[in-house]
Amino acid sequence: MSKMKRVRIIVSGLVQGVFFRAHTEEWATQLGLKGFVRNLPNGDVEIIAEGEEGKLKELLERVKVGPPAAVVKDVKIEWQKAKNEFKDFRIRYF
């Protein structure tokens, strides 16, 4: 079984008001990942996800493209040690 990992992703571009969080929540849930996605005050979207490395990489590929209305300009990725603090994957509003 592959080791659990955690990734922090910051997506910038036209990523707010284009259903980016809803799509990310759907993709992460389909992949069996746990964590959250939220808008940041500067217009970026932050994603913290935990799960199998392969599934996290699949999520990464999806957010690099984003939903149809989004224009992804940059994706910053920071790999971390899994903390197993999430029960599911949700949109956060703070």
PDB file of N, CA and C in Angstrom:
ATOM      1  N   MET A   1       0.851  -1.189   0.000  1.00  0.00           N
ATOM      2  CA  MET A   1       0.000   0.000   0.000  1.00  0.00           C
ATOM      3  C   MET A   1       0.891   1.245   0.000  1.00  0.00           C
ATOM      4  N   SER A   2       0.511   2.239  -0.768  1.00  0.00           N
ATOM      5  CA  SER A   2       1.342   3.429  -0.850  1.00  0.00           C
ATOM      6  C   SER A   2       1.136   4.310   0.374  1.00  0.00           C
ATOM      7  N   LYS A   3       2.170   5.051   0.690  1.00  0.00           N
ATOM      8  CA  LYS A   3       2.188   5.898   1.866  1.00  0.00           C
ATOM      9  C   LYS A   3       1.276   7.113   1.688  1.00  0.00           C
ATOM     10  N   MET A   4       0.637   7.496   2.783  1.00  0.00           N
ATOM     11  CA  MET A   4      -0.205   8.690   2.766  1.00  0.00           C
ATOM     12  C   MET A   4       0.675   9.925   2.736  1.00  0.00           C
ATOM     13  N   LYS A   5       0.270  10.889   1.934  1.00  0.00           N
ATOM     14  CA  LYS A   5       1.000  12.148   1.844  1.00  0.00           C
ATOM     15  C   LYS A   5       0.022  13.300   1.971  1.00  0.00           C
ATOM     16  N   ARG A   6       0.595  14.490   2.065  1.00  0.00           N
ATOM     17  CA  ARG A   6      -0.205  15.712   2.160  1.00  0.00           C
ATOM     18  C   ARG A   6       0.409  16.721   1.206  1.00  0.00           C
ATOM     19  N   VAL A   7      -0.444  17.459   0.532  1.00  0.00           N
ATOM     20  CA  VAL A   7       0.059  18.492  -0.373  1.00  0.00           C
ATOM     21  C   VAL A   7      -0.717  19.778  -0.137  1.00  0.00           C
ATOM     22  N   ARG A   8       0.020  20.877  -0.173  1.00  0.00           N
ATOM     23  CA  ARG A   8      -0.607  22.215  -0.125  1.00  0.00           C
ATOM     24  C   ARG A   8      -0.415  22.808  -1.512  1.00  0.00           C
ATOM     25  N   ILE A   9      -1.533  23.204  -2.113  1.00  0.00           N
ATOM     26  CA  ILE A   9      -1.518  23.729  -3.477  1.00  0.00           C
ATOM     27  C   ILE A   9      -2.099  25.140  -3.446  1.00  0.00           C
ATOM     28  N   ILE A  10      -1.397  26.086  -4.056  1.00  0.00           N
ATOM     29  CA  ILE A  10      -1.920  27.443  -4.218  1.00  0.00           C
ATOM     30  C   ILE A  10      -2.091  27.660  -5.722  1.00  0.00           C
ATOM     31  N   VAL A  11      -3.327  27.910  -6.137  1.00  0.00           N
ATOM     32  CA  VAL A  11      -3.636  28.102  -7.553  1.00  0.00           C
ATOM     33  C   VAL A  11      -3.957  29.578  -7.771  1.00  0.00           C
ATOM     34  N   SER A  12      -3.266  30.185  -8.752  1.00  0.00           N
ATOM     35  CA  SER A  12      -3.560  31.585  -9.049  1.00  0.00           C
ATOM     36  C   SER A  12      -3.974  31.753 -10.504  1.00  0.00           C
ATOM     37  N   GLY A  13      -4.624  32.874 -10.767  1.00  0.00           N
ATOM     38  CA  GLY A  13      -5.189  33.155 -12.077  1.00  0.00           C
ATOM     39  C   GLY A  13      -6.638  33.551 -11.882  1.00  0.00           C
ATOM     40  N   LEU A  14      -7.468  33.263 -12.876  1.00  0.00           N
ATOM     41  CA  LEU A  14      -8.914  33.495 -12.732  1.00  0.00           C
ATOM     42  C   LEU A  14      -9.489  32.222 -12.121  1.00  0.00           C
ATOM     43  N   VAL A  15      -9.454  32.155 -10.783  1.00  0.00           N
ATOM     44  CA  VAL A  15      -9.832  30.918 -10.096  1.00  0.00           C
ATOM     45  C   VAL A  15     -10.915  31.117  -9.033  1.00  0.00           C
ATOM     46  N   GLN A  16     -11.399  32.348  -8.892  1.00  0.00           N
ATOM     47  CA  GLN A  16     -12.516  32.592  -7.973  1.00  0.00           C
ATOM     48  C   GLN A  16     -13.725  33.025  -8.785  1.00  0.00           C
ATOM     49  N   GLY A  17     -14.909  32.545  -8.379  1.00  0.00           N
ATOM     50  CA  GLY A  17     -16.135  32.886  -9.091  1.00  0.00           C
ATOM     51  C   GLY A  17     -16.330  32.062 -10.352  1.00  0.00           C
ATOM     52  N   VAL A  18     -15.591  30.959 -10.481  1.00  0.00           N
ATOM     53  CA  VAL A  18     -15.678  30.103 -11.679  1.00  0.00           C
ATOM     54  C   VAL A  18     -15.925  28.628 -11.288  1.00  0.00           C
ATOM     55  N   PHE A  19     -16.450  28.422 -10.086  1.00  0.00           N
ATOM     56  CA  PHE A  19     -16.757  27.082  -9.566  1.00  0.00           C
ATOM     57  C   PHE A  19     -15.506  26.228  -9.351  1.00  0.00           C
ATOM     58  N   PHE A  20     -14.364  26.893  -9.124  1.00  0.00           N
ATOM     59  CA  PHE A  20     -13.116  26.160  -8.910  1.00  0.00           C
ATOM     60  C   PHE A  20     -13.196  25.300  -7.652  1.00  0.00           C
ATOM     61  N   ARG A  21     -13.726  25.879  -6.564  1.00  0.00           N
ATOM     62  CA  ARG A  21     -13.815  25.114  -5.314  1.00  0.00           C
ATOM     63  C   ARG A  21     -14.758  23.924  -5.448  1.00  0.00           C
ATOM     64  N   ALA A  22     -15.899  24.137  -6.091  1.00  0.00           N
ATOM     65  CA  ALA A  22     -16.877  23.052  -6.255  1.00  0.00           C
ATOM     66  C   ALA A  22     -16.280  21.898  -7.065  1.00  0.00           C
ATOM     67  N   HIS A  23     -15.579  22.240  -8.151  1.00  0.00           N
ATOM     68  CA  HIS A  23     -14.950  21.197  -8.962  1.00  0.00           C
ATOM     69  C   HIS A  23     -13.858  20.477  -8.176  1.00  0.00           C
ATOM     70  N   THR A  24     -13.054  21.240  -7.434  1.00  0.00           N
ATOM     71  CA  THR A  24     -11.983  20.634  -6.646  1.00  0.00           C
ATOM     72  C   THR A  24     -12.546  19.682  -5.603  1.00  0.00           C
ATOM     73  N   GLU A  25     -13.627  20.089  -4.946  1.00  0.00           N
ATOM     74  CA  GLU A  25     -14.272  19.238  -3.940  1.00  0.00           C
ATOM     75  C   GLU A  25     -14.759  17.938  -4.589  1.00  0.00           C
ATOM     76  N   GLU A  26     -15.368  18.060  -5.757  1.00  0.00           N
ATOM     77  CA  GLU A  26     -15.872  16.882  -6.468  1.00  0.00           C
ATOM     78  C   GLU A  26     -14.725  15.949  -6.867  1.00  0.00           C
ATOM     79  N   TRP A  27     -13.658  16.524  -7.463  1.00  0.00           N
ATOM     80  CA  TRP A  27     -12.515  15.713  -7.894  1.00  0.00           C
ATOM     81  C   TRP A  27     -11.860  15.003  -6.711  1.00  0.00           C
ATOM     82  N   ALA A  28     -11.633  15.745  -5.634  1.00  0.00           N
ATOM     83  CA  ALA A  28     -10.960  15.179  -4.457  1.00  0.00           C
ATOM     84  C   ALA A  28     -11.799  14.063  -3.842  1.00  0.00           C
ATOM     85  N   THR A  29     -13.110  14.269  -3.777  1.00  0.00           N
ATOM     86  CA  THR A  29     -14.006  13.262  -3.224  1.00  0.00           C
ATOM     87  C   THR A  29     -13.988  12.000  -4.087  1.00  0.00           C
ATOM     88  N   GLN A  30     -14.028  12.171  -5.410  1.00  0.00           N
ATOM     89  CA  GLN A  30     -13.960  11.023  -6.328  1.00  0.00           C
ATOM     90  C   GLN A  30     -12.659  10.244  -6.143  1.00  0.00           C
ATOM     91  N   LEU A  31     -11.582  10.963  -5.846  1.00  0.00           N
ATOM     92  CA  LEU A  31     -10.267  10.331  -5.681  1.00  0.00           C
ATOM     93  C   LEU A  31     -10.058   9.774  -4.269  1.00  0.00           C
ATOM     94  N   GLY A  32     -11.020   9.999  -3.388  1.00  0.00           N
ATOM     95  CA  GLY A  32     -10.906   9.496  -2.025  1.00  0.00           C
ATOM     96  C   GLY A  32      -9.942  10.300  -1.160  1.00  0.00           C
ATOM     97  N   LEU A  33      -9.744  11.562  -1.508  1.00  0.00           N
ATOM     98  CA  LEU A  33      -8.828  12.415  -0.745  1.00  0.00           C
ATOM     99  C   LEU A  33      -9.578  13.134   0.373  1.00  0.00           C
ATOM    100  N   LYS A  34      -8.810  13.597   1.351  1.00  0.00           N
ATOM    101  CA  LYS A  34      -9.385  14.353   2.466  1.00  0.00           C
ATOM    102  C   LYS A  34      -8.680  15.685   2.567  1.00  0.00           C
ATOM    103  N   GLY A  35      -9.399  16.702   3.065  1.00  0.00           N
ATOM    104  CA  GLY A  35      -8.801  18.017   3.213  1.00  0.00           C
ATOM    105  C   GLY A  35      -9.811  19.104   2.930  1.00  0.00           C
ATOM    106  N   PHE A  36      -9.329  20.214   2.348  1.00  0.00           N
ATOM    107  CA  PHE A  36     -10.232  21.320   2.064  1.00  0.00           C
ATOM    108  C   PHE A  36      -9.703  22.185   0.928  1.00  0.00           C
ATOM    109  N   VAL A  37     -10.600  22.999   0.400  1.00  0.00           N
ATOM    110  CA  VAL A  37     -10.269  24.010  -0.607  1.00  0.00           C
ATOM    111  C   VAL A  37     -10.944  25.296  -0.163  1.00  0.00           C
ATOM    112  N   ARG A  38     -10.248  26.431  -0.316  1.00  0.00           N
ATOM    113  CA  ARG A  38     -10.839  27.713   0.062  1.00  0.00           C
ATOM    114  C   ARG A  38     -10.257  28.838  -0.778  1.00  0.00           C
ATOM    115  N   ASN A  39     -11.041  29.901  -0.908  1.00  0.00           N
ATOM    116  CA  ASN A  39     -10.568  31.117  -1.558  1.00  0.00           C
ATOM    117  C   ASN A  39      -9.683  31.874  -0.583  1.00  0.00           C
ATOM    118  N   LEU A  40      -8.636  32.501  -1.100  1.00  0.00           N
ATOM    119  CA  LEU A  40      -7.790  33.368  -0.291  1.00  0.00           C
ATOM    120  C   LEU A  40      -8.121  34.829  -0.630  1.00  0.00           C
ATOM    121  N   PRO A  41      -7.888  35.740   0.319  1.00  0.00           N
ATOM    122  CA  PRO A  41      -8.229  37.153   0.088  1.00  0.00           C
ATOM    123  C   PRO A  41      -7.554  37.773  -1.143  1.00  0.00           C
ATOM    124  N   ASN A  42      -6.397  37.247  -1.547  1.00  0.00           N
ATOM    125  CA  ASN A  42      -5.660  37.824  -2.686  1.00  0.00           C
ATOM    126  C   ASN A  42      -6.147  37.324  -4.042  1.00  0.00           C
ATOM    127  N   GLY A  43      -7.197  36.479  -4.056  1.00  0.00           N
ATOM    128  CA  GLY A  43      -7.732  35.987  -5.326  1.00  0.00           C
ATOM    129  C   GLY A  43      -7.274  34.588  -5.685  1.00  0.00           C
ATOM    130  N   ASP A  44      -6.325  34.032  -4.927  1.00  0.00           N
ATOM    131  CA  ASP A  44      -5.866  32.664  -5.172  1.00  0.00           C
ATOM    132  C   ASP A  44      -6.815  31.667  -4.510  1.00  0.00           C
ATOM    133  N   VAL A  45      -6.614  30.388  -4.832  1.00  0.00           N
ATOM    134  CA  VAL A  45      -7.334  29.303  -4.173  1.00  0.00           C
ATOM    135  C   VAL A  45      -6.293  28.422  -3.491  1.00  0.00           C
ATOM    136  N   GLU A  46      -6.580  28.050  -2.240  1.00  0.00           N
ATOM    137  CA  GLU A  46      -5.689  27.169  -1.483  1.00  0.00           C
ATOM    138  C   GLU A  46      -6.352  25.802  -1.342  1.00  0.00           C
ATOM    139  N   ILE A  47      -5.566  24.758  -1.569  1.00  0.00           N
ATOM    140  CA  ILE A  47      -6.038  23.381  -1.419  1.00  0.00           C
ATOM    141  C   ILE A  47      -5.069  22.666  -0.483  1.00  0.00           C
ATOM    142  N   ILE A  48      -5.609  22.028   0.535  1.00  0.00           N
ATOM    143  CA  ILE A  48      -4.818  21.129   1.376  1.00  0.00           C
ATOM    144  C   ILE A  48      -5.469  19.762   1.206  1.00  0.00           C
ATOM    145  N   ALA A  49      -4.701  18.801   0.718  1.00  0.00           N
ATOM    146  CA  ALA A  49      -5.265  17.479   0.472  1.00  0.00           C
ATOM    147  C   ALA A  49      -4.340  16.399   1.018  1.00  0.00           C
ATOM    148  N   GLU A  50      -4.950  15.351   1.555  1.00  0.00           N
ATOM    149  CA  GLU A  50      -4.203  14.199   2.043  1.00  0.00           C
ATOM    150  C   GLU A  50      -4.742  12.942   1.387  1.00  0.00           C
ATOM    151  N   GLY A  51      -3.829  12.009   1.119  1.00  0.00           N
ATOM    152  CA  GLY A  51      -4.219  10.733   0.540  1.00  0.00           C
ATOM    153  C   GLY A  51      -3.017  10.050  -0.077  1.00  0.00           C
ATOM    154  N   GLU A  52      -3.283   9.052  -0.912  1.00  0.00           N
ATOM    155  CA  GLU A  52      -2.204   8.344  -1.592  1.00  0.00           C
ATOM    156  C   GLU A  52      -1.534   9.284  -2.582  1.00  0.00           C
ATOM    157  N   GLU A  53      -0.226   9.180  -2.691  1.00  0.00           N
ATOM    158  CA  GLU A  53       0.543  10.074  -3.558  1.00  0.00           C
ATOM    159  C   GLU A  53       0.025  10.092  -4.995  1.00  0.00           C
ATOM    160  N   GLY A  54      -0.291   8.922  -5.540  1.00  0.00           N
ATOM    161  CA  GLY A  54      -0.791   8.844  -6.913  1.00  0.00           C
ATOM    162  C   GLY A  54      -2.088   9.610  -7.106  1.00  0.00           C
ATOM    163  N   LYS A  55      -2.982   9.519  -6.110  1.00  0.00           N
ATOM    164  CA  LYS A  55      -4.270  10.227  -6.175  1.00  0.00           C
ATOM    165  C   LYS A  55      -4.046  11.739  -6.038  1.00  0.00           C
ATOM    166  N   LEU A  56      -3.096  12.133  -5.188  1.00  0.00           N
ATOM    167  CA  LEU A  56      -2.784  13.557  -5.035  1.00  0.00           C
ATOM    168  C   LEU A  56      -2.228  14.119  -6.337  1.00  0.00           C
ATOM    169  N   LYS A  57      -1.396  13.332  -7.021  1.00  0.00           N
ATOM    170  CA  LYS A  57      -0.824  13.780  -8.299  1.00  0.00           C
ATOM    171  C   LYS A  57      -1.922  13.914  -9.360  1.00  0.00           C
ATOM    172  N   GLU A  58      -2.906  13.026  -9.293  1.00  0.00           N
ATOM    173  CA  GLU A  58      -4.039  13.100 -10.226  1.00  0.00           C
ATOM    174  C   GLU A  58      -4.840  14.390  -9.973  1.00  0.00           C
ATOM    175  N   LEU A  59      -5.067  14.711  -8.696  1.00  0.00           N
ATOM    176  CA  LEU A  59      -5.757  15.961  -8.351  1.00  0.00           C
ATOM    177  C   LEU A  59      -4.957  17.158  -8.869  1.00  0.00           C
ATOM    178  N   LEU A  60      -3.649  17.103  -8.685  1.00  0.00           N
ATOM    179  CA  LEU A  60      -2.766  18.178  -9.169  1.00  0.00           C
ATOM    180  C   LEU A  60      -2.934  18.417 -10.661  1.00  0.00           C
ATOM    181  N   GLU A  61      -2.962  17.331 -11.430  1.00  0.00           N
ATOM    182  CA  GLU A  61      -3.129  17.470 -12.881  1.00  0.00           C
ATOM    183  C   GLU A  61      -4.461  18.151 -13.218  1.00  0.00           C
ATOM    184  N   ARG A  62      -5.497  17.819 -12.461  1.00  0.00           N
ATOM    185  CA  ARG A  62      -6.815  18.420 -12.716  1.00  0.00           C
ATOM    186  C   ARG A  62      -6.843  19.896 -12.361  1.00  0.00           C
ATOM    187  N   VAL A  63      -6.243  20.263 -11.206  1.00  0.00           N
ATOM    188  CA  VAL A  63      -6.306  21.684 -10.820  1.00  0.00           C
ATOM    189  C   VAL A  63      -5.387  22.546 -11.680  1.00  0.00           C
ATOM    190  N   LYS A  64      -4.392  21.945 -12.313  1.00  0.00           N
ATOM    191  CA  LYS A  64      -3.521  22.702 -13.230  1.00  0.00           C
ATOM    192  C   LYS A  64      -4.328  23.185 -14.443  1.00  0.00           C
ATOM    193  N   VAL A  65      -5.374  22.449 -14.784  1.00  0.00           N
ATOM    194  CA  VAL A  65      -6.259  22.826 -15.889  1.00  0.00           C
ATOM    195  C   VAL A  65      -7.447  23.622 -15.338  1.00  0.00           C
ATOM    196  N   GLY A  66      -8.032  23.121 -14.252  1.00  0.00           N
ATOM    197  CA  GLY A  66      -9.178  23.782 -13.630  1.00  0.00           C
ATOM    198  C   GLY A  66     -10.468  23.516 -14.373  1.00  0.00           C
ATOM    199  N   PRO A  67     -11.581  24.018 -13.832  1.00  0.00           N
ATOM    200  CA  PRO A  67     -12.870  23.869 -14.512  1.00  0.00           C
ATOM    201  C   PRO A  67     -12.920  24.751 -15.759  1.00  0.00           C
ATOM    202  N   PRO A  68     -13.919  24.542 -16.641  1.00  0.00           N
ATOM    203  CA  PRO A  68     -13.964  25.240 -17.932  1.00  0.00           C
ATOM    204  C   PRO A  68     -13.821  26.759 -17.870  1.00  0.00           C
ATOM    205  N   ALA A  69     -14.432  27.430 -16.882  1.00  0.00           N
ATOM    206  CA  ALA A  69     -14.404  28.897 -16.850  1.00  0.00           C
ATOM    207  C   ALA A  69     -13.125  29.471 -16.221  1.00  0.00           C
ATOM    208  N   ALA A  70     -12.313  28.616 -15.620  1.00  0.00           N
ATOM    209  CA  ALA A  70     -11.107  29.086 -14.929  1.00  0.00           C
ATOM    210  C   ALA A  70      -9.959  29.327 -15.903  1.00  0.00           C
ATOM    211  N   VAL A  71      -9.059  30.230 -15.511  1.00  0.00           N
ATOM    212  CA  VAL A  71      -7.806  30.445 -16.240  1.00  0.00           C
ATOM    213  C   VAL A  71      -6.683  30.316 -15.217  1.00  0.00           C
ATOM    214  N   VAL A  72      -6.057  29.137 -15.186  1.00  0.00           N
ATOM    215  CA  VAL A  72      -4.997  28.872 -14.215  1.00  0.00           C
ATOM    216  C   VAL A  72      -3.681  29.442 -14.743  1.00  0.00           C
ATOM    217  N   LYS A  73      -3.100  30.366 -13.976  1.00  0.00           N
ATOM    218  CA  LYS A  73      -1.836  30.999 -14.380  1.00  0.00           C
ATOM    219  C   LYS A  73      -0.631  30.338 -13.705  1.00  0.00           C
ATOM    220  N   ASP A  74      -0.815  29.939 -12.436  1.00  0.00           N
ATOM    221  CA  ASP A  74       0.312  29.381 -11.686  1.00  0.00           C
ATOM    222  C   ASP A  74      -0.198  28.412 -10.634  1.00  0.00           C
ATOM    223  N   VAL A  75       0.591  27.370 -10.378  1.00  0.00           N
ATOM    224  CA  VAL A  75       0.271  26.397  -9.335  1.00  0.00           C
ATOM    225  C   VAL A  75       1.527  26.175  -8.504  1.00  0.00           C
ATOM    226  N   LYS A  76       1.431  26.514  -7.219  1.00  0.00           N
ATOM    227  CA  LYS A  76       2.552  26.277  -6.304  1.00  0.00           C
ATOM    228  C   LYS A  76       2.238  25.030  -5.482  1.00  0.00           C
ATOM    229  N   ILE A  77       3.220  24.150  -5.369  1.00  0.00           N
ATOM    230  CA  ILE A  77       3.015  22.861  -4.719  1.00  0.00           C
ATOM    231  C   ILE A  77       4.019  22.695  -3.595  1.00  0.00           C
ATOM    232  N   GLU A  78       3.513  22.304  -2.433  1.00  0.00           N
ATOM    233  CA  GLU A  78       4.380  22.046  -1.287  1.00  0.00           C
ATOM    234  C   GLU A  78       3.983  20.701  -0.679  1.00  0.00           C
ATOM    235  N   TRP A  79       4.862  19.706  -0.787  1.00  0.00           N
ATOM    236  CA  TRP A  79       4.592  18.378  -0.223  1.00  0.00           C
ATOM    237  C   TRP A  79       4.887  18.401   1.263  1.00  0.00           C
ATOM    238  N   GLN A  80       4.018  17.777   2.039  1.00  0.00           N
ATOM    239  CA  GLN A  80       4.171  17.737   3.492  1.00  0.00           C
ATOM    240  C   GLN A  80       3.888  16.333   4.005  1.00  0.00           C
ATOM    241  N   LYS A  81       4.176  16.135   5.282  1.00  0.00           N
ATOM    242  CA  LYS A  81       3.869  14.860   5.921  1.00  0.00           C
ATOM    243  C   LYS A  81       2.376  14.844   6.268  1.00  0.00           C
ATOM    244  N   ALA A  82       1.703  13.738   6.009  1.00  0.00           N
ATOM    245  CA  ALA A  82       0.271  13.628   6.320  1.00  0.00           C
ATOM    246  C   ALA A  82       0.044  13.739   7.822  1.00  0.00           C
ATOM    247  N   LYS A  83      -1.016  14.447   8.182  1.00  0.00           N
ATOM    248  CA  LYS A  83      -1.352  14.617   9.606  1.00  0.00           C
ATOM    249  C   LYS A  83      -2.630  13.865   9.980  1.00  0.00           C
ATOM    250  N   ASN A  84      -3.346  13.350   8.988  1.00  0.00           N
ATOM    251  CA  ASN A  84      -4.596  12.615   9.213  1.00  0.00           C
ATOM    252  C   ASN A  84      -5.580  13.377  10.100  1.00  0.00           C
ATOM    253  N   GLU A  85      -5.776  14.662   9.794  1.00  0.00           N
ATOM    254  CA  GLU A  85      -6.662  15.478  10.621  1.00  0.00           C
ATOM    255  C   GLU A  85      -8.040  15.702   9.992  1.00  0.00           C
ATOM    256  N   PHE A  86      -8.253  15.203   8.775  1.00  0.00           N
ATOM    257  CA  PHE A  86      -9.518  15.455   8.067  1.00  0.00           C
ATOM    258  C   PHE A  86     -10.353  14.188   7.957  1.00  0.00           C
ATOM    259  N   LYS A  87     -11.685  14.370   8.026  1.00  0.00           N
ATOM    260  CA  LYS A  87     -12.603  13.230   7.870  1.00  0.00           C
ATOM    261  C   LYS A  87     -13.052  13.088   6.421  1.00  0.00           C
ATOM    262  N   ASP A  88     -13.068  14.224   5.685  1.00  0.00           N
ATOM    263  CA  ASP A  88     -13.545  14.227   4.303  1.00  0.00           C
ATOM    264  C   ASP A  88     -12.928  15.425   3.591  1.00  0.00           C
ATOM    265  N   PHE A  89     -13.448  15.740   2.409  1.00  0.00           N
ATOM    266  CA  PHE A  89     -12.945  16.898   1.662  1.00  0.00           C
ATOM    267  C   PHE A  89     -14.068  17.905   1.544  1.00  0.00           C
ATOM    268  N   ARG A  90     -13.812  19.159   1.933  1.00  0.00           N
ATOM    269  CA  ARG A  90     -14.849  20.180   1.949  1.00  0.00           C
ATOM    270  C   ARG A  90     -14.376  21.518   1.409  1.00  0.00           C
ATOM    271  N   ILE A  91     -15.361  22.329   1.084  1.00  0.00           N
ATOM    272  CA  ILE A  91     -15.094  23.737   0.769  1.00  0.00           C
ATOM    273  C   ILE A  91     -15.126  24.477   2.106  1.00  0.00           C
ATOM    274  N   ARG A  92     -14.105  25.291   2.347  1.00  0.00           N
ATOM    275  CA  ARG A  92     -14.109  26.143   3.545  1.00  0.00           C
ATOM    276  C   ARG A  92     -14.367  27.571   3.116  1.00  0.00           C
ATOM    277  N   TYR A  93     -15.068  28.291   3.960  1.00  0.00           N
ATOM    278  CA  TYR A  93     -15.453  29.674   3.632  1.00  0.00           C
ATOM    279  C   TYR A  93     -14.764  30.689   4.535  1.00  0.00           C
ATOM    280  N   PHE A  94     -13.503  30.393   4.908  1.00  0.00           N
ATOM    281  CA  PHE A  94     -12.737  31.352   5.703  1.00  0.00           C
ATOM    282  C   PHE A  94     -11.273  31.203   5.368  1.00  0.00           C
TER     283      PHE A  94
END
